[in-house]
Amino acid sequence: SKTIFTLLVEGTFGFWAGWRGYQLTSSQTEGTYEAVAKIPLCEGRSAVSDGICAEWIDLTYNKIPPAFWRNLDDEDKMLRDDRTWKAVRAFADNCVKRRSY
């Protein structure tokens, strides 16, 4: 019973610590999303860029309706997670820039 209690306490603490860490990093005012969006612009070969850029471009420009992106740019619309979606688009834009090199 002591082992189960210890496991429960450690598991709960581990879950809380992970959740709290995620909350802190995802709520930063700048940096995290913008840094990830710049991955395709890294010099040289990039396994990430080579592996997902084609699909990411297709998803961003062909699967998500253009009206969504117009709404994202409209300051009057209050879209949830707008920083996330802007980073998604920036990643795709940077993939397109990478192709042109």
C-alpha atoms as a PDB file:
ATOM      1  CA  SER A   1       0.000   0.000   0.000  1.00  0.00           C
ATOM      2  CA  LYS A   2       2.923   2.339   0.693  1.00  0.00           C
ATOM      3  CA  THR A   3       4.321   1.547  -2.780  1.00  0.00           C
ATOM      4  CA  ILE A   4       0.991   2.335  -4.435  1.00  0.00           C
ATOM      5  CA  PHE A   5       0.731   5.611  -2.540  1.00  0.00           C
ATOM      6  CA  THR A   6       4.295   6.563  -3.513  1.00  0.00           C
ATOM      7  CA  LEU A   7       3.615   5.674  -7.137  1.00  0.00           C
ATOM      8  CA  LEU A   8       0.424   7.741  -7.107  1.00  0.00           C
ATOM      9  CA  VAL A   9       2.157  10.775  -5.581  1.00  0.00           C
ATOM     10  CA  GLU A  10       5.151  10.567  -7.940  1.00  0.00           C
ATOM     11  CA  GLY A  11       2.911  10.017 -10.950  1.00  0.00           C
ATOM     12  CA  THR A  12       0.729  12.973 -10.039  1.00  0.00           C
ATOM     13  CA  PHE A  13       3.757  15.178  -9.479  1.00  0.00           C
ATOM     14  CA  GLY A  14       5.319  14.061 -12.772  1.00  0.00           C
ATOM     15  CA  PHE A  15       2.104  14.822 -14.652  1.00  0.00           C
ATOM     16  CA  TRP A  16       1.794  18.231 -12.975  1.00  0.00           C
ATOM     17  CA  ALA A  17       5.443  19.105 -13.702  1.00  0.00           C
ATOM     18  CA  GLY A  18       5.044  18.165 -17.377  1.00  0.00           C
ATOM     19  CA  TRP A  19       1.804  20.111 -17.704  1.00  0.00           C
ATOM     20  CA  ARG A  20       3.260  23.158 -15.975  1.00  0.00           C
ATOM     21  CA  GLY A  21       6.366  23.081 -18.153  1.00  0.00           C
ATOM     22  CA  TYR A  22       4.227  22.897 -21.262  1.00  0.00           C
ATOM     23  CA  GLN A  23       2.091  25.807 -20.067  1.00  0.00           C
ATOM     24  CA  LEU A  24       5.140  27.960 -19.386  1.00  0.00           C
ATOM     25  CA  THR A  25       6.803  27.304 -22.728  1.00  0.00           C
ATOM     26  CA  SER A  26       3.666  27.580 -24.823  1.00  0.00           C
ATOM     27  CA  SER A  27       2.578  30.848 -23.233  1.00  0.00           C
ATOM     28  CA  GLN A  28       5.805  32.720 -23.865  1.00  0.00           C
ATOM     29  CA  THR A  29       5.181  36.055 -25.507  1.00  0.00           C
ATOM     30  CA  GLU A  30       7.657  35.373 -28.286  1.00  0.00           C
ATOM     31  CA  GLY A  31      10.255  32.889 -29.222  1.00  0.00           C
ATOM     32  CA  THR A  32       9.083  29.295 -29.214  1.00  0.00           C
ATOM     33  CA  TYR A  33       6.691  29.285 -32.145  1.00  0.00           C
ATOM     34  CA  GLU A  34       8.748  31.735 -34.137  1.00  0.00           C
ATOM     35  CA  ALA A  35      11.903  29.655 -33.631  1.00  0.00           C
ATOM     36  CA  VAL A  36      10.163  26.483 -34.807  1.00  0.00           C
ATOM     37  CA  ALA A  37       8.787  28.292 -37.859  1.00  0.00           C
ATOM     38  CA  LYS A  38      12.361  29.173 -38.899  1.00  0.00           C
ATOM     39  CA  ILE A  39      13.558  25.545 -39.040  1.00  0.00           C
ATOM     40  CA  PRO A  40      13.233  25.315 -42.844  1.00  0.00           C
ATOM     41  CA  LEU A  41      15.595  28.274 -43.205  1.00  0.00           C
ATOM     42  CA  CYS A  42      18.531  26.481 -41.530  1.00  0.00           C
ATOM     43  CA  GLU A  43      21.586  26.168 -43.724  1.00  0.00           C
ATOM     44  CA  GLY A  44      22.505  22.842 -45.266  1.00  0.00           C
ATOM     45  CA  ARG A  45      20.519  19.637 -45.290  1.00  0.00           C
ATOM     46  CA  SER A  46      17.691  19.414 -42.812  1.00  0.00           C
ATOM     47  CA  ALA A  47      15.969  16.099 -42.137  1.00  0.00           C
ATOM     48  CA  VAL A  48      12.976  17.977 -40.753  1.00  0.00           C
ATOM     49  CA  SER A  49      12.664  20.194 -43.799  1.00  0.00           C
ATOM     50  CA  ASP A  50      13.297  17.381 -46.268  1.00  0.00           C
ATOM     51  CA  GLY A  51      10.818  15.159 -44.496  1.00  0.00           C
ATOM     52  CA  ILE A  52       7.825  17.395 -43.961  1.00  0.00           C
ATOM     53  CA  CYS A  53       8.036  20.542 -46.080  1.00  0.00           C
ATOM     54  CA  ALA A  54       6.179  19.148 -49.108  1.00  0.00           C
ATOM     55  CA  GLU A  55       3.316  17.857 -46.968  1.00  0.00           C
ATOM     56  CA  TRP A  56       3.286  20.994 -44.835  1.00  0.00           C
ATOM     57  CA  ILE A  57       3.017  23.242 -47.895  1.00  0.00           C
ATOM     58  CA  ASP A  58       0.178  21.102 -49.283  1.00  0.00           C
ATOM     59  CA  LEU A  59      -1.648  21.164 -45.960  1.00  0.00           C
ATOM     60  CA  THR A  60      -1.253  24.903 -45.482  1.00  0.00           C
ATOM     61  CA  TYR A  61      -2.049  26.087 -49.000  1.00  0.00           C
ATOM     62  CA  ASN A  62      -4.375  23.379 -50.333  1.00  0.00           C
ATOM     63  CA  LYS A  63      -6.161  21.720 -47.419  1.00  0.00           C
ATOM     64  CA  ILE A  64      -6.851  24.721 -45.174  1.00  0.00           C
ATOM     65  CA  PRO A  65      -9.318  27.071 -46.890  1.00  0.00           C
ATOM     66  CA  PRO A  66      -8.001  30.514 -47.884  1.00  0.00           C
ATOM     67  CA  ALA A  67     -10.878  32.077 -45.932  1.00  0.00           C
ATOM     68  CA  PHE A  68      -9.317  30.760 -42.744  1.00  0.00           C
ATOM     69  CA  TRP A  69      -6.065  32.615 -43.454  1.00  0.00           C
ATOM     70  CA  ARG A  70      -7.995  35.812 -44.275  1.00  0.00           C
ATOM     71  CA  ASN A  71      -9.804  35.531 -40.940  1.00  0.00           C
ATOM     72  CA  LEU A  72      -6.475  35.004 -39.205  1.00  0.00           C
ATOM     73  CA  ASP A  73      -5.181  38.271 -40.665  1.00  0.00           C
ATOM     74  CA  ASP A  74      -8.337  40.179 -39.685  1.00  0.00           C
ATOM     75  CA  GLU A  75      -7.610  41.838 -36.339  1.00  0.00           C
ATOM     76  CA  ASP A  76     -11.339  42.096 -35.573  1.00  0.00           C
ATOM     77  CA  LYS A  77     -11.682  38.318 -35.530  1.00  0.00           C
ATOM     78  CA  MET A  78     -10.653  36.706 -32.299  1.00  0.00           C
ATOM     79  CA  LEU A  79      -9.330  33.317 -33.365  1.00  0.00           C
ATOM     80  CA  ARG A  80      -8.144  30.918 -30.715  1.00  0.00           C
ATOM     81  CA  ASP A  81      -4.413  30.162 -30.805  1.00  0.00           C
ATOM     82  CA  ASP A  82      -3.644  32.756 -33.464  1.00  0.00           C
ATOM     83  CA  ARG A  83       0.090  32.587 -32.646  1.00  0.00           C
ATOM     84  CA  THR A  84       0.038  28.874 -33.374  1.00  0.00           C
ATOM     85  CA  TRP A  85      -1.687  29.312 -36.718  1.00  0.00           C
ATOM     86  CA  LYS A  86       0.606  32.171 -37.704  1.00  0.00           C
ATOM     87  CA  ALA A  87       3.574  29.907 -36.935  1.00  0.00           C
ATOM     88  CA  VAL A  88       2.014  27.161 -39.089  1.00  0.00           C
ATOM     89  CA  ARG A  89       1.765  29.578 -41.996  1.00  0.00           C
ATOM     90  CA  ALA A  90       5.265  30.982 -41.383  1.00  0.00           C
ATOM     91  CA  PHE A  91       6.680  27.436 -41.402  1.00  0.00           C
ATOM     92  CA  ALA A  92       5.016  26.790 -44.776  1.00  0.00           C
ATOM     93  CA  ASP A  93       6.225  30.141 -46.133  1.00  0.00           C
ATOM     94  CA  ASN A  94       9.764  29.276 -45.036  1.00  0.00           C
ATOM     95  CA  CYS A  95       9.481  25.863 -46.708  1.00  0.00           C
ATOM     96  CA  VAL A  96       8.597  27.652 -49.946  1.00  0.00           C
ATOM     97  CA  LYS A  97      11.604  29.975 -49.502  1.00  0.00           C
ATOM     98  CA  ARG A  98      13.830  26.913 -48.920  1.00  0.00           C
ATOM     99  CA  ARG A  99      12.687  25.395 -52.222  1.00  0.00           C
ATOM    100  CA  SER A 100      13.759  28.506 -54.093  1.00  0.00           C
ATOM    101  CA  TYR A 101      17.406  28.117 -53.011  1.00  0.00           C
END
